[in-house]
Amino acid sequence: MMNKTFFAPWIKLRFYPSASITVLDLHLWNEIGRLKQKLITQFADRNTKIISPKNCQSVEMYFNSEKMEKTIGRVAEKTPEVGETVNGLLVKKAFTYQIMALDDLHVFSQLSTTNISQRITIAYTGAFGVLKHRLKQIFESVESLPDEESEGRAFGVHERLTVKYE
């Protein structure tokens, strides 16, 4: 990348011609006006915007950046079709992104997984069948579970949550 350095007795400005926006923020407005005009004429063939805001005036710049992720491990074995969803974990490491399967996490990174079991007791005074009916309205998968301790009064939600009557 070629850059140019402009010198004046009071400023040193480094200008990168590949940049699309340059902000000049100095207090010598006459000199900044001349420098701005010189930069505009010198780089007129490019799509470069040069801004010289007044003191304490905010400047908003929007940058469109694309992020690229690499699929590795089992996720990379099959090339997805256009519009197909890829399931996996997105792992960021030093400005790079990788999508991998949960089982590949310990192979391709220093991270590990663990299972957490938690038991929560919530007081519910309504009928147990009504609770099951309400959860069926909210969730797709509500299945009755055989449980000898609770005499058949247990069900699972998405195979992750077990609701028991005690």
N, C-alpha and C. Protein backbone atom coordinates (compact mmCIF):
# COMPACT_ATOMS: atom_id res chain seq x y z
N MET A 1 0.85 -1.16 0.00
CA MET A 1 0.00 0.00 0.00
C MET A 1 0.90 1.23 0.00
N MET A 2 0.72 2.10 -0.96
CA MET A 2 1.50 3.32 -1.04
C MET A 2 0.85 4.40 -0.17
N ASN A 3 1.66 5.11 0.58
CA ASN A 3 1.12 6.22 1.35
C ASN A 3 1.96 7.45 1.12
N LYS A 4 1.39 8.58 1.40
CA LYS A 4 2.10 9.85 1.23
C LYS A 4 2.07 10.59 2.54
N THR A 5 3.16 11.25 2.85
CA THR A 5 3.23 12.05 4.05
C THR A 5 3.36 13.51 3.64
N PHE A 6 2.48 14.36 4.16
CA PHE A 6 2.51 15.78 3.88
C PHE A 6 3.10 16.50 5.09
N PHE A 7 4.03 17.41 4.83
CA PHE A 7 4.66 18.15 5.91
C PHE A 7 4.28 19.62 5.83
N ALA A 8 4.07 20.20 6.92
CA ALA A 8 3.91 21.64 7.07
C ALA A 8 4.57 21.98 8.40
N PRO A 9 4.88 23.23 8.66
CA PRO A 9 5.57 23.55 9.92
C PRO A 9 4.77 23.13 11.15
N TRP A 10 3.48 22.97 11.05
CA TRP A 10 2.66 22.71 12.22
C TRP A 10 2.00 21.33 12.22
N ILE A 11 2.03 20.60 11.10
CA ILE A 11 1.35 19.31 11.07
C ILE A 11 2.20 18.27 10.35
N LYS A 12 1.93 17.05 10.64
CA LYS A 12 2.45 15.92 9.87
C LYS A 12 1.25 15.00 9.68
N LEU A 13 0.85 14.81 8.45
CA LEU A 13 -0.34 14.04 8.15
C LEU A 13 0.04 12.89 7.25
N ARG A 14 -0.33 11.71 7.61
CA ARG A 14 -0.10 10.55 6.75
C ARG A 14 -1.42 10.19 6.09
N PHE A 15 -1.40 10.15 4.77
CA PHE A 15 -2.61 9.92 4.00
C PHE A 15 -2.45 8.61 3.23
N TYR A 16 -3.40 7.73 3.39
CA TYR A 16 -3.41 6.45 2.70
C TYR A 16 -4.41 6.53 1.55
N PRO A 17 -3.96 6.54 0.31
CA PRO A 17 -4.87 6.72 -0.82
C PRO A 17 -5.90 5.60 -0.96
N SER A 18 -5.63 4.42 -0.43
CA SER A 18 -6.61 3.33 -0.56
C SER A 18 -7.79 3.51 0.38
N ALA A 19 -7.65 4.40 1.35
CA ALA A 19 -8.76 4.64 2.27
C ALA A 19 -9.85 5.42 1.56
N SER A 20 -11.10 5.10 1.89
CA SER A 20 -12.20 5.80 1.23
C SER A 20 -12.62 7.06 1.99
N ILE A 21 -12.22 7.18 3.26
CA ILE A 21 -12.57 8.36 4.06
C ILE A 21 -11.32 8.84 4.77
N THR A 22 -11.07 10.14 4.72
CA THR A 22 -9.98 10.74 5.48
C THR A 22 -10.55 11.88 6.29
N VAL A 23 -10.22 11.93 7.57
CA VAL A 23 -10.72 12.98 8.46
C VAL A 23 -9.55 13.88 8.82
N LEU A 24 -9.69 15.16 8.54
CA LEU A 24 -8.70 16.16 8.92
C LEU A 24 -9.24 16.91 10.12
N ASP A 25 -8.53 16.86 11.22
CA ASP A 25 -9.03 17.49 12.45
C ASP A 25 -7.91 18.32 13.07
N LEU A 26 -7.78 19.52 12.59
CA LEU A 26 -6.79 20.43 13.15
C LEU A 26 -7.44 21.79 13.31
N HIS A 27 -6.80 22.70 14.00
CA HIS A 27 -7.41 23.98 14.33
C HIS A 27 -7.04 25.11 13.37
N LEU A 28 -6.16 24.88 12.45
CA LEU A 28 -5.75 25.92 11.51
C LEU A 28 -6.60 25.78 10.25
N TRP A 29 -7.75 26.42 10.23
CA TRP A 29 -8.76 26.17 9.19
C TRP A 29 -8.32 26.61 7.81
N ASN A 30 -7.57 27.70 7.70
CA ASN A 30 -7.13 28.13 6.38
C ASN A 30 -6.19 27.10 5.76
N GLU A 31 -5.25 26.63 6.54
CA GLU A 31 -4.29 25.65 6.03
C GLU A 31 -4.98 24.30 5.77
N ILE A 32 -5.91 23.93 6.64
CA ILE A 32 -6.64 22.68 6.45
C ILE A 32 -7.48 22.75 5.18
N GLY A 33 -8.08 23.91 4.92
CA GLY A 33 -8.86 24.09 3.69
C GLY A 33 -8.00 23.89 2.46
N ARG A 34 -6.78 24.45 2.47
CA ARG A 34 -5.87 24.27 1.33
C ARG A 34 -5.43 22.82 1.19
N LEU A 35 -5.12 22.19 2.32
CA LEU A 35 -4.72 20.78 2.28
C LEU A 35 -5.85 19.89 1.79
N LYS A 36 -7.07 20.19 2.23
CA LYS A 36 -8.23 19.42 1.79
C LYS A 36 -8.42 19.56 0.27
N GLN A 37 -8.31 20.78 -0.25
CA GLN A 37 -8.46 20.98 -1.69
C GLN A 37 -7.37 20.26 -2.48
N LYS A 38 -6.14 20.29 -1.95
CA LYS A 38 -5.04 19.60 -2.62
C LYS A 38 -5.28 18.10 -2.66
N LEU A 39 -5.76 17.53 -1.56
CA LEU A 39 -6.04 16.10 -1.52
C LEU A 39 -7.20 15.74 -2.45
N ILE A 40 -8.22 16.60 -2.51
CA ILE A 40 -9.36 16.33 -3.39
C ILE A 40 -8.92 16.34 -4.84
N THR A 41 -8.11 17.30 -5.23
CA THR A 41 -7.66 17.34 -6.63
C THR A 41 -6.68 16.22 -6.94
N GLN A 42 -5.82 15.88 -5.99
CA GLN A 42 -4.83 14.84 -6.24
C GLN A 42 -5.47 13.46 -6.37
N PHE A 43 -6.54 13.21 -5.63
CA PHE A 43 -7.16 11.89 -5.63
C PHE A 43 -8.60 11.97 -6.16
N ALA A 44 -8.82 12.81 -7.15
CA ALA A 44 -10.16 13.00 -7.71
C ALA A 44 -10.64 11.76 -8.45
N ASP A 45 -9.73 10.96 -8.99
CA ASP A 45 -10.13 9.77 -9.76
C ASP A 45 -10.61 8.63 -8.86
N ARG A 46 -10.41 8.73 -7.57
CA ARG A 46 -10.83 7.67 -6.64
C ARG A 46 -12.07 8.10 -5.89
N ASN A 47 -12.73 7.13 -5.31
CA ASN A 47 -13.93 7.39 -4.51
C ASN A 47 -13.49 7.68 -3.07
N THR A 48 -12.85 8.83 -2.88
CA THR A 48 -12.32 9.20 -1.57
C THR A 48 -13.10 10.39 -1.04
N LYS A 49 -13.52 10.29 0.21
CA LYS A 49 -14.25 11.38 0.86
C LYS A 49 -13.35 11.98 1.93
N ILE A 50 -13.14 13.29 1.86
CA ILE A 50 -12.27 13.98 2.82
C ILE A 50 -13.16 14.91 3.64
N ILE A 51 -13.09 14.75 4.96
CA ILE A 51 -13.95 15.48 5.88
C ILE A 51 -13.08 16.35 6.77
N SER A 52 -13.48 17.59 6.96
CA SER A 52 -12.78 18.47 7.91
C SER A 52 -13.84 19.06 8.84
N PRO A 53 -14.17 18.37 9.92
CA PRO A 53 -15.23 18.83 10.81
C PRO A 53 -14.78 20.00 11.68
N LYS A 54 -15.74 20.75 12.13
CA LYS A 54 -15.46 21.84 13.07
C LYS A 54 -15.06 21.23 14.42
N ASN A 55 -14.53 22.04 15.29
CA ASN A 55 -14.11 21.56 16.60
C ASN A 55 -15.30 21.00 17.39
N CYS A 56 -15.16 19.86 17.99
CA CYS A 56 -16.17 19.17 18.80
C CYS A 56 -17.36 18.69 17.98
N GLN A 57 -17.25 18.63 16.69
CA GLN A 57 -18.32 18.11 15.85
C GLN A 57 -18.08 16.61 15.66
N SER A 58 -19.13 15.82 15.87
CA SER A 58 -18.96 14.38 15.75
C SER A 58 -18.97 13.97 14.29
N VAL A 59 -18.24 12.92 14.00
CA VAL A 59 -18.17 12.36 12.65
C VAL A 59 -18.58 10.91 12.74
N GLU A 60 -19.59 10.51 11.97
CA GLU A 60 -20.03 9.13 11.96
C GLU A 60 -19.56 8.47 10.68
N MET A 61 -18.94 7.31 10.84
CA MET A 61 -18.48 6.53 9.69
C MET A 61 -19.02 5.12 9.82
N TYR A 62 -19.51 4.59 8.74
CA TYR A 62 -20.05 3.24 8.72
C TYR A 62 -19.14 2.36 7.88
N PHE A 63 -18.78 1.23 8.42
CA PHE A 63 -17.90 0.30 7.74
C PHE A 63 -18.65 -1.00 7.50
N ASN A 64 -18.64 -1.44 6.28
CA ASN A 64 -19.21 -2.75 5.95
C ASN A 64 -18.08 -3.75 5.94
N SER A 65 -18.15 -4.70 6.83
CA SER A 65 -17.10 -5.71 6.87
C SER A 65 -17.73 -7.09 6.75
N GLU A 66 -17.09 -7.92 5.99
CA GLU A 66 -17.55 -9.28 5.85
C GLU A 66 -16.71 -10.15 6.77
N LYS A 67 -17.36 -11.08 7.39
CA LYS A 67 -16.65 -12.02 8.26
C LYS A 67 -16.67 -13.37 7.58
N MET A 68 -15.53 -14.00 7.55
CA MET A 68 -15.40 -15.32 6.94
C MET A 68 -15.17 -16.34 8.06
N GLU A 69 -15.89 -17.43 7.98
CA GLU A 69 -15.72 -18.50 8.95
C GLU A 69 -15.27 -19.74 8.21
N LYS A 70 -14.38 -20.50 8.83
CA LYS A 70 -13.96 -21.77 8.26
C LYS A 70 -14.70 -22.88 8.98
N THR A 71 -15.19 -23.84 8.24
CA THR A 71 -15.78 -25.02 8.86
C THR A 71 -14.69 -26.07 8.95
N ILE A 72 -14.59 -26.70 10.10
CA ILE A 72 -13.57 -27.72 10.31
C ILE A 72 -14.21 -28.93 10.97
N GLY A 73 -13.50 -30.05 10.90
CA GLY A 73 -13.98 -31.28 11.53
C GLY A 73 -15.15 -31.88 10.80
N ARG A 74 -16.09 -32.42 11.56
CA ARG A 74 -17.26 -33.09 10.98
C ARG A 74 -18.17 -32.16 10.21
N VAL A 75 -18.18 -30.88 10.59
CA VAL A 75 -19.03 -29.91 9.89
C VAL A 75 -18.52 -29.71 8.46
N ALA A 76 -17.22 -29.83 8.25
CA ALA A 76 -16.63 -29.58 6.93
C ALA A 76 -16.68 -30.81 6.02
N GLU A 77 -17.13 -31.95 6.53
CA GLU A 77 -17.17 -33.15 5.70
C GLU A 77 -18.17 -33.04 4.56
N LYS A 78 -19.25 -32.32 4.76
CA LYS A 78 -20.29 -32.18 3.75
C LYS A 78 -20.42 -30.72 3.36
N THR A 79 -20.37 -30.43 2.06
CA THR A 79 -20.54 -29.07 1.58
C THR A 79 -22.03 -28.73 1.59
N PRO A 80 -22.42 -27.66 2.29
CA PRO A 80 -23.85 -27.32 2.35
C PRO A 80 -24.35 -26.74 1.02
N GLU A 81 -25.61 -26.95 0.75
CA GLU A 81 -26.25 -26.35 -0.41
C GLU A 81 -26.58 -24.89 -0.10
N VAL A 82 -26.89 -24.13 -1.12
CA VAL A 82 -27.25 -22.72 -0.93
C VAL A 82 -28.54 -22.64 -0.12
N GLY A 83 -28.52 -21.87 0.95
CA GLY A 83 -29.68 -21.72 1.82
C GLY A 83 -29.78 -22.78 2.91
N GLU A 84 -28.91 -23.76 2.91
CA GLU A 84 -28.95 -24.82 3.92
C GLU A 84 -28.31 -24.31 5.21
N THR A 85 -28.89 -24.68 6.33
CA THR A 85 -28.39 -24.27 7.63
C THR A 85 -27.25 -25.18 8.06
N VAL A 86 -26.20 -24.58 8.60
CA VAL A 86 -25.06 -25.33 9.13
C VAL A 86 -25.14 -25.26 10.65
N ASN A 87 -25.17 -26.40 11.30
CA ASN A 87 -25.23 -26.46 12.76
C ASN A 87 -23.85 -26.73 13.32
N GLY A 88 -23.46 -25.95 14.32
CA GLY A 88 -22.17 -26.14 14.95
C GLY A 88 -21.90 -25.02 15.93
N LEU A 89 -20.73 -25.03 16.49
CA LEU A 89 -20.29 -23.99 17.41
C LEU A 89 -19.42 -23.00 16.66
N LEU A 90 -19.65 -21.71 16.90
CA LEU A 90 -18.82 -20.67 16.32
C LEU A 90 -17.77 -20.30 17.35
N VAL A 91 -16.50 -20.54 17.02
CA VAL A 91 -15.40 -20.28 17.94
C VAL A 91 -14.53 -19.18 17.35
N LYS A 92 -14.28 -18.12 18.13
CA LYS A 92 -13.43 -17.02 17.70
C LYS A 92 -12.10 -17.12 18.42
N LYS A 93 -11.03 -17.06 17.63
CA LYS A 93 -9.69 -17.10 18.21
C LYS A 93 -8.80 -16.18 17.40
N ALA A 94 -8.33 -15.12 18.00
CA ALA A 94 -7.39 -14.18 17.38
C ALA A 94 -7.89 -13.69 16.03
N PHE A 95 -9.08 -13.15 15.98
CA PHE A 95 -9.70 -12.55 14.80
C PHE A 95 -10.06 -13.56 13.71
N THR A 96 -10.02 -14.83 13.98
CA THR A 96 -10.47 -15.83 13.03
C THR A 96 -11.66 -16.56 13.62
N TYR A 97 -12.58 -16.97 12.77
CA TYR A 97 -13.78 -17.68 13.20
C TYR A 97 -13.76 -19.08 12.61
N GLN A 98 -14.16 -20.04 13.42
CA GLN A 98 -14.25 -21.43 12.97
C GLN A 98 -15.59 -22.00 13.43
N ILE A 99 -16.21 -22.77 12.54
CA ILE A 99 -17.44 -23.47 12.90
C ILE A 99 -17.09 -24.95 13.00
N MET A 100 -17.40 -25.55 14.14
CA MET A 100 -17.07 -26.95 14.36
C MET A 100 -18.19 -27.63 15.12
N ALA A 101 -18.20 -28.95 15.06
CA ALA A 101 -19.18 -29.74 15.80
C ALA A 101 -18.80 -29.74 17.28
N LEU A 102 -19.77 -29.97 18.12
CA LEU A 102 -19.53 -29.98 19.57
C LEU A 102 -18.51 -31.04 19.95
N ASP A 103 -18.56 -32.19 19.29
CA ASP A 103 -17.61 -33.26 19.60
C ASP A 103 -16.18 -32.94 19.16
N ASP A 104 -16.02 -32.01 18.22
CA ASP A 104 -14.69 -31.63 17.73
C ASP A 104 -14.07 -30.49 18.52
N LEU A 105 -14.77 -29.97 19.49
CA LEU A 105 -14.30 -28.79 20.21
C LEU A 105 -12.96 -29.04 20.90
N HIS A 106 -12.82 -30.16 21.58
CA HIS A 106 -11.57 -30.44 22.29
C HIS A 106 -10.44 -30.81 21.33
N VAL A 107 -10.75 -31.21 20.11
CA VAL A 107 -9.72 -31.58 19.14
C VAL A 107 -9.10 -30.34 18.50
N PHE A 108 -9.93 -29.37 18.12
CA PHE A 108 -9.46 -28.20 17.38
C PHE A 108 -9.26 -26.96 18.24
N SER A 109 -9.53 -27.04 19.53
CA SER A 109 -9.31 -25.90 20.41
C SER A 109 -8.92 -26.41 21.79
N GLN A 110 -8.59 -25.51 22.66
CA GLN A 110 -8.24 -25.87 24.03
C GLN A 110 -9.44 -25.80 24.95
N LEU A 111 -10.63 -25.67 24.37
CA LEU A 111 -11.85 -25.60 25.15
C LEU A 111 -12.38 -27.00 25.41
N SER A 112 -13.19 -27.13 26.44
CA SER A 112 -13.82 -28.41 26.75
C SER A 112 -15.29 -28.18 27.07
N THR A 113 -16.05 -29.25 27.08
CA THR A 113 -17.48 -29.16 27.38
C THR A 113 -17.77 -29.91 28.67
N THR A 114 -18.91 -29.61 29.24
CA THR A 114 -19.35 -30.31 30.44
C THR A 114 -20.87 -30.31 30.46
N ASN A 115 -21.45 -31.24 31.16
CA ASN A 115 -22.90 -31.30 31.34
C ASN A 115 -23.24 -30.77 32.72
N ILE A 116 -24.28 -29.99 32.80
CA ILE A 116 -24.72 -29.43 34.07
C ILE A 116 -26.12 -29.97 34.37
N SER A 117 -26.27 -30.56 35.52
CA SER A 117 -27.58 -31.02 35.97
C SER A 117 -28.04 -30.11 37.10
N GLN A 118 -29.29 -29.74 37.04
CA GLN A 118 -29.82 -28.83 38.04
C GLN A 118 -31.23 -29.27 38.40
N ARG A 119 -31.54 -29.17 39.65
CA ARG A 119 -32.88 -29.51 40.12
C ARG A 119 -33.52 -28.28 40.73
N ILE A 120 -34.67 -27.92 40.21
CA ILE A 120 -35.39 -26.76 40.70
C ILE A 120 -36.76 -27.24 41.17
N THR A 121 -37.18 -26.81 42.34
CA THR A 121 -38.50 -27.14 42.86
C THR A 121 -39.35 -25.89 42.81
N ILE A 122 -40.49 -25.99 42.11
CA ILE A 122 -41.39 -24.86 41.96
C ILE A 122 -42.75 -25.28 42.49
N ALA A 123 -43.32 -24.47 43.34
CA ALA A 123 -44.65 -24.75 43.88
C ALA A 123 -45.69 -24.49 42.80
N TYR A 124 -46.58 -25.48 42.55
CA TYR A 124 -47.64 -25.35 41.55
C TYR A 124 -48.90 -25.94 42.17
N THR A 125 -49.96 -25.13 42.22
CA THR A 125 -51.18 -25.59 42.89
C THR A 125 -52.25 -26.09 41.93
N GLY A 126 -52.04 -25.91 40.63
CA GLY A 126 -53.03 -26.36 39.66
C GLY A 126 -52.93 -27.86 39.41
N ALA A 127 -53.80 -28.35 38.57
CA ALA A 127 -53.79 -29.77 38.22
C ALA A 127 -52.58 -30.08 37.34
N PHE A 128 -51.98 -31.26 37.58
CA PHE A 128 -50.79 -31.66 36.85
C PHE A 128 -51.09 -31.83 35.36
N GLY A 129 -52.27 -32.31 35.03
CA GLY A 129 -52.66 -32.48 33.64
C GLY A 129 -52.78 -31.14 32.90
N VAL A 130 -53.21 -30.10 33.61
CA VAL A 130 -53.31 -28.77 33.01
C VAL A 130 -51.92 -28.22 32.69
N LEU A 131 -50.97 -28.45 33.60
CA LEU A 131 -49.59 -28.02 33.36
C LEU A 131 -49.03 -28.70 32.11
N LYS A 132 -49.26 -30.00 32.01
CA LYS A 132 -48.78 -30.74 30.84
C LYS A 132 -49.44 -30.21 29.57
N HIS A 133 -50.73 -29.94 29.61
CA HIS A 133 -51.45 -29.41 28.45
C HIS A 133 -50.89 -28.04 28.04
N ARG A 134 -50.64 -27.16 29.00
CA ARG A 134 -50.09 -25.83 28.70
C ARG A 134 -48.70 -25.92 28.07
N LEU A 135 -47.87 -26.82 28.59
CA LEU A 135 -46.53 -26.98 28.03
C LEU A 135 -46.59 -27.57 26.62
N LYS A 136 -47.57 -28.42 26.35
CA LYS A 136 -47.75 -28.96 24.99
C LYS A 136 -48.13 -27.85 24.01
N GLN A 137 -48.86 -26.85 24.49
CA GLN A 137 -49.21 -25.72 23.64
C GLN A 137 -47.98 -24.87 23.29
N ILE A 138 -47.01 -24.83 24.17
CA ILE A 138 -45.82 -24.00 23.97
C ILE A 138 -44.73 -24.76 23.22
N PHE A 139 -44.49 -26.01 23.61
CA PHE A 139 -43.39 -26.79 23.06
C PHE A 139 -43.92 -27.92 22.18
N GLU A 140 -43.13 -28.28 21.17
CA GLU A 140 -43.53 -29.35 20.27
C GLU A 140 -43.44 -30.73 20.91
N SER A 141 -42.39 -30.96 21.64
CA SER A 141 -42.11 -32.30 22.14
C SER A 141 -42.32 -32.37 23.66
N VAL A 142 -43.51 -32.83 24.06
CA VAL A 142 -43.80 -33.11 25.47
C VAL A 142 -44.24 -34.57 25.51
N GLU A 143 -43.44 -35.42 26.16
CA GLU A 143 -43.67 -36.87 26.16
C GLU A 143 -43.85 -37.35 27.60
N SER A 144 -44.78 -38.26 27.81
CA SER A 144 -44.95 -38.88 29.13
C SER A 144 -43.78 -39.82 29.38
N LEU A 145 -43.31 -39.84 30.62
CA LEU A 145 -42.17 -40.69 30.99
C LEU A 145 -42.62 -41.74 32.00
N PRO A 146 -42.16 -42.96 31.82
CA PRO A 146 -42.46 -43.97 32.85
C PRO A 146 -41.56 -43.74 34.06
N ASP A 147 -42.18 -43.57 35.20
CA ASP A 147 -41.41 -43.33 36.42
C ASP A 147 -42.14 -44.02 37.57
N GLU A 148 -41.48 -45.00 38.18
CA GLU A 148 -42.10 -45.76 39.25
C GLU A 148 -42.30 -44.92 40.50
N GLU A 149 -41.37 -44.01 40.77
CA GLU A 149 -41.44 -43.20 41.99
C GLU A 149 -42.64 -42.26 41.99
N SER A 150 -42.92 -41.63 40.85
CA SER A 150 -43.99 -40.63 40.82
C SER A 150 -45.28 -41.20 40.26
N GLU A 151 -45.38 -42.51 40.17
CA GLU A 151 -46.60 -43.20 39.76
C GLU A 151 -47.13 -42.69 38.41
N GLY A 152 -46.22 -42.54 37.43
CA GLY A 152 -46.63 -42.14 36.10
C GLY A 152 -46.90 -40.66 35.94
N ARG A 153 -46.59 -39.89 36.95
CA ARG A 153 -46.84 -38.44 36.86
C ARG A 153 -45.54 -37.71 36.58
N ALA A 154 -44.98 -37.97 35.40
CA ALA A 154 -43.75 -37.30 34.96
C ALA A 154 -43.79 -37.19 33.44
N PHE A 155 -43.23 -36.13 32.92
CA PHE A 155 -43.11 -35.98 31.48
C PHE A 155 -41.85 -35.21 31.15
N GLY A 156 -41.36 -35.39 29.93
CA GLY A 156 -40.15 -34.72 29.47
C GLY A 156 -40.48 -33.70 28.40
N VAL A 157 -39.74 -32.63 28.39
CA VAL A 157 -39.90 -31.56 27.39
C VAL A 157 -38.62 -31.52 26.58
N HIS A 158 -38.73 -31.83 25.28
CA HIS A 158 -37.60 -31.83 24.33
C HIS A 158 -36.43 -32.68 24.82
N GLU A 159 -36.70 -33.72 25.53
CA GLU A 159 -35.68 -34.65 26.04
C GLU A 159 -34.60 -33.96 26.87
N ARG A 160 -34.85 -32.76 27.32
CA ARG A 160 -33.88 -32.01 28.12
C ARG A 160 -34.39 -31.67 29.52
N LEU A 161 -35.70 -31.53 29.65
CA LEU A 161 -36.31 -31.12 30.92
C LEU A 161 -37.27 -32.18 31.35
N THR A 162 -37.16 -32.60 32.61
CA THR A 162 -38.08 -33.58 33.18
C THR A 162 -38.92 -32.89 34.25
N VAL A 163 -40.24 -33.00 34.11
CA VAL A 163 -41.18 -32.41 35.08
C VAL A 163 -41.81 -33.58 35.83
N LYS A 164 -41.64 -33.56 37.16
CA LYS A 164 -42.19 -34.63 38.01
C LYS A 164 -43.14 -34.04 39.04
N TYR A 165 -44.13 -34.84 39.36
CA TYR A 165 -45.07 -34.46 40.42
C TYR A 165 -44.59 -35.11 41.70
N GLU A 166 -44.35 -34.32 42.73
CA GLU A 166 -43.90 -34.86 44.02
C GLU A 166 -44.85 -34.44 45.12
